[in-house]
Amino acid sequence: MKLLLAGLVLVLIVETQAQWYHFPIEAARGAGDMWRAYSDMREANWKNSDKYFHARGNYDAAQRGPGGRWAAEVISDGREWIQGNSGRGHEDSAADQVANRWGRDGNDPNHFRPEGLPDKY
């Protein structure tokens, strides 16, 4: 019985400690998702598509797991902080953050999709 209990404790400890490496991989891939959404937004150059790409980047990154969600939050918050301090409107930044949270929370980014945006995006 003691051997079985010791084995169970060992498996739980090893399993818990073996997961540490997932976070940085998820974060790196999540940052890549954010970059891809930004690049697509620049390429599309579509009127009123900003919120869609914010939501999509955050959604894709958050789907990676806790590391991706963390990366999306840090990148989004950092971007909005920089824009807020550069004189851009507070209302626009607040609206961007709504779209960021919408995507990070796992909601469909197409909620913000502008009419006519090519299916490529």
Protein backbone atom coordinates (compact mmCIF):
# COMPACT_ATOMS: atom_id res chain seq x y z
CA MET A 1 0.00 0.00 0.00
CA LYS A 2 2.82 2.40 0.89
CA LEU A 3 4.54 1.56 -2.39
CA LEU A 4 1.36 2.27 -4.34
CA LEU A 5 0.86 5.58 -2.54
CA ALA A 6 4.50 6.56 -3.09
CA GLY A 7 4.18 5.70 -6.79
CA LEU A 8 1.03 7.79 -7.12
CA VAL A 9 2.67 10.78 -5.42
CA LEU A 10 5.73 10.41 -7.66
CA VAL A 11 3.58 10.36 -10.81
CA LEU A 12 1.69 13.47 -9.69
CA ILE A 13 4.91 15.33 -8.89
CA VAL A 14 6.56 14.40 -12.19
CA GLU A 15 3.43 15.26 -14.20
CA THR A 16 3.11 18.64 -12.52
CA GLN A 17 6.76 19.51 -13.01
CA ALA A 18 6.83 18.23 -16.60
CA GLN A 19 4.37 20.89 -17.75
CA TRP A 20 6.57 23.90 -17.06
CA TYR A 21 7.98 24.01 -20.60
CA HIS A 22 4.59 24.47 -22.31
CA PHE A 23 4.11 28.07 -21.16
CA PRO A 24 7.04 29.68 -23.01
CA ILE A 25 6.28 27.71 -26.18
CA GLU A 26 2.63 28.79 -26.04
CA ALA A 27 3.73 32.38 -25.39
CA ALA A 28 6.08 32.40 -28.38
CA ARG A 29 3.45 30.92 -30.67
CA GLY A 30 0.84 33.32 -29.30
CA ALA A 31 3.14 36.24 -30.08
CA GLY A 32 3.41 34.84 -33.61
CA ASP A 33 -0.38 34.78 -33.84
CA MET A 34 -0.51 38.41 -32.78
CA TRP A 35 2.12 39.34 -35.38
CA ARG A 36 0.22 37.46 -38.10
CA ALA A 37 -3.00 39.34 -37.28
CA TYR A 38 -1.11 42.64 -37.36
CA SER A 39 0.52 41.77 -40.70
CA ASP A 40 -2.83 40.72 -42.15
CA MET A 41 -4.39 43.97 -40.97
CA ARG A 42 -1.67 45.99 -42.69
CA GLU A 43 -1.95 43.90 -45.85
CA ALA A 44 -5.74 44.06 -45.98
CA ASN A 45 -5.79 47.83 -45.40
CA TRP A 46 -9.58 47.51 -45.02
CA LYS A 47 -11.73 50.26 -43.58
CA ASN A 48 -13.14 49.52 -40.09
CA SER A 49 -11.25 46.21 -39.78
CA ASP A 50 -9.06 47.20 -36.82
CA LYS A 51 -11.30 45.67 -34.13
CA TYR A 52 -11.65 42.42 -36.10
CA PHE A 53 -7.89 41.94 -36.31
CA HIS A 54 -7.50 42.81 -32.62
CA ALA A 55 -10.06 40.17 -31.70
CA ARG A 56 -8.63 37.60 -34.13
CA GLY A 57 -5.05 37.98 -32.93
CA ASN A 58 -6.08 37.66 -29.29
CA TYR A 59 -8.38 34.73 -30.06
CA ASP A 60 -5.72 32.79 -31.98
CA ALA A 61 -3.08 33.43 -29.32
CA ALA A 62 -5.37 32.48 -26.43
CA GLN A 63 -6.22 29.19 -28.15
CA ARG A 64 -2.57 28.20 -27.63
CA GLY A 65 -3.11 27.93 -23.88
CA PRO A 66 -2.14 30.00 -20.83
CA GLY A 67 1.15 31.13 -22.38
CA GLY A 68 -0.58 32.34 -25.53
CA ARG A 69 -3.23 34.14 -23.54
CA TRP A 70 -0.53 35.82 -21.46
CA ALA A 71 1.37 36.91 -24.60
CA ALA A 72 -1.82 38.33 -26.14
CA GLU A 73 -2.60 40.28 -22.98
CA VAL A 74 0.92 41.70 -22.63
CA ILE A 75 1.15 42.66 -26.31
CA SER A 76 -2.35 44.16 -26.43
CA ASP A 77 -1.99 46.08 -23.18
CA GLY A 78 1.46 47.33 -24.19
CA ARG A 79 0.24 48.48 -27.57
CA GLU A 80 -2.73 50.33 -26.09
CA TRP A 81 -0.55 51.90 -23.40
CA ILE A 82 1.87 53.21 -26.04
CA GLN A 83 -0.96 54.54 -28.19
CA GLY A 84 -2.67 56.10 -25.19
CA ASN A 85 0.50 57.97 -24.30
CA SER A 86 1.12 59.10 -27.88
CA GLY A 87 -1.98 61.29 -28.04
CA ARG A 88 -4.32 58.86 -29.77
CA GLY A 89 -7.92 58.99 -28.53
CA HIS A 90 -8.78 57.25 -25.29
CA GLU A 91 -12.14 56.10 -26.72
CA ASP A 92 -10.46 54.28 -29.61
CA SER A 93 -8.03 52.60 -27.25
CA ALA A 94 -10.88 51.50 -24.98
CA ALA A 95 -12.76 50.07 -27.97
CA ASP A 96 -9.62 48.19 -29.03
CA GLN A 97 -9.37 46.71 -25.54
CA VAL A 98 -12.97 45.50 -25.75
CA ALA A 99 -12.08 43.66 -28.96
CA ASN A 100 -8.87 42.33 -27.37
CA ARG A 101 -10.74 40.89 -24.38
CA TRP A 102 -13.50 39.53 -26.64
CA GLY A 103 -10.94 37.45 -28.54
CA ARG A 104 -8.92 36.39 -25.49
CA ASP A 105 -12.10 35.17 -23.82
CA GLY A 106 -12.67 32.75 -26.70
CA ASN A 107 -15.48 34.64 -28.41
CA ASP A 108 -15.82 34.60 -32.19
CA PRO A 109 -13.69 37.38 -33.76
CA ASN A 110 -16.12 37.53 -36.69
CA HIS A 111 -18.37 39.56 -34.41
CA PHE A 112 -16.15 42.52 -35.39
CA ARG A 113 -15.63 41.49 -39.03
CA PRO A 114 -16.39 44.38 -41.40
CA GLU A 115 -18.66 43.74 -44.35
CA GLY A 116 -16.80 42.82 -47.52
CA LEU A 117 -13.47 41.90 -45.90
CA PRO A 118 -11.98 39.21 -48.17
CA ASP A 119 -12.35 35.62 -46.96
CA LYS A 120 -8.54 35.34 -46.96
CA TYR A 121 -8.64 37.06 -43.58
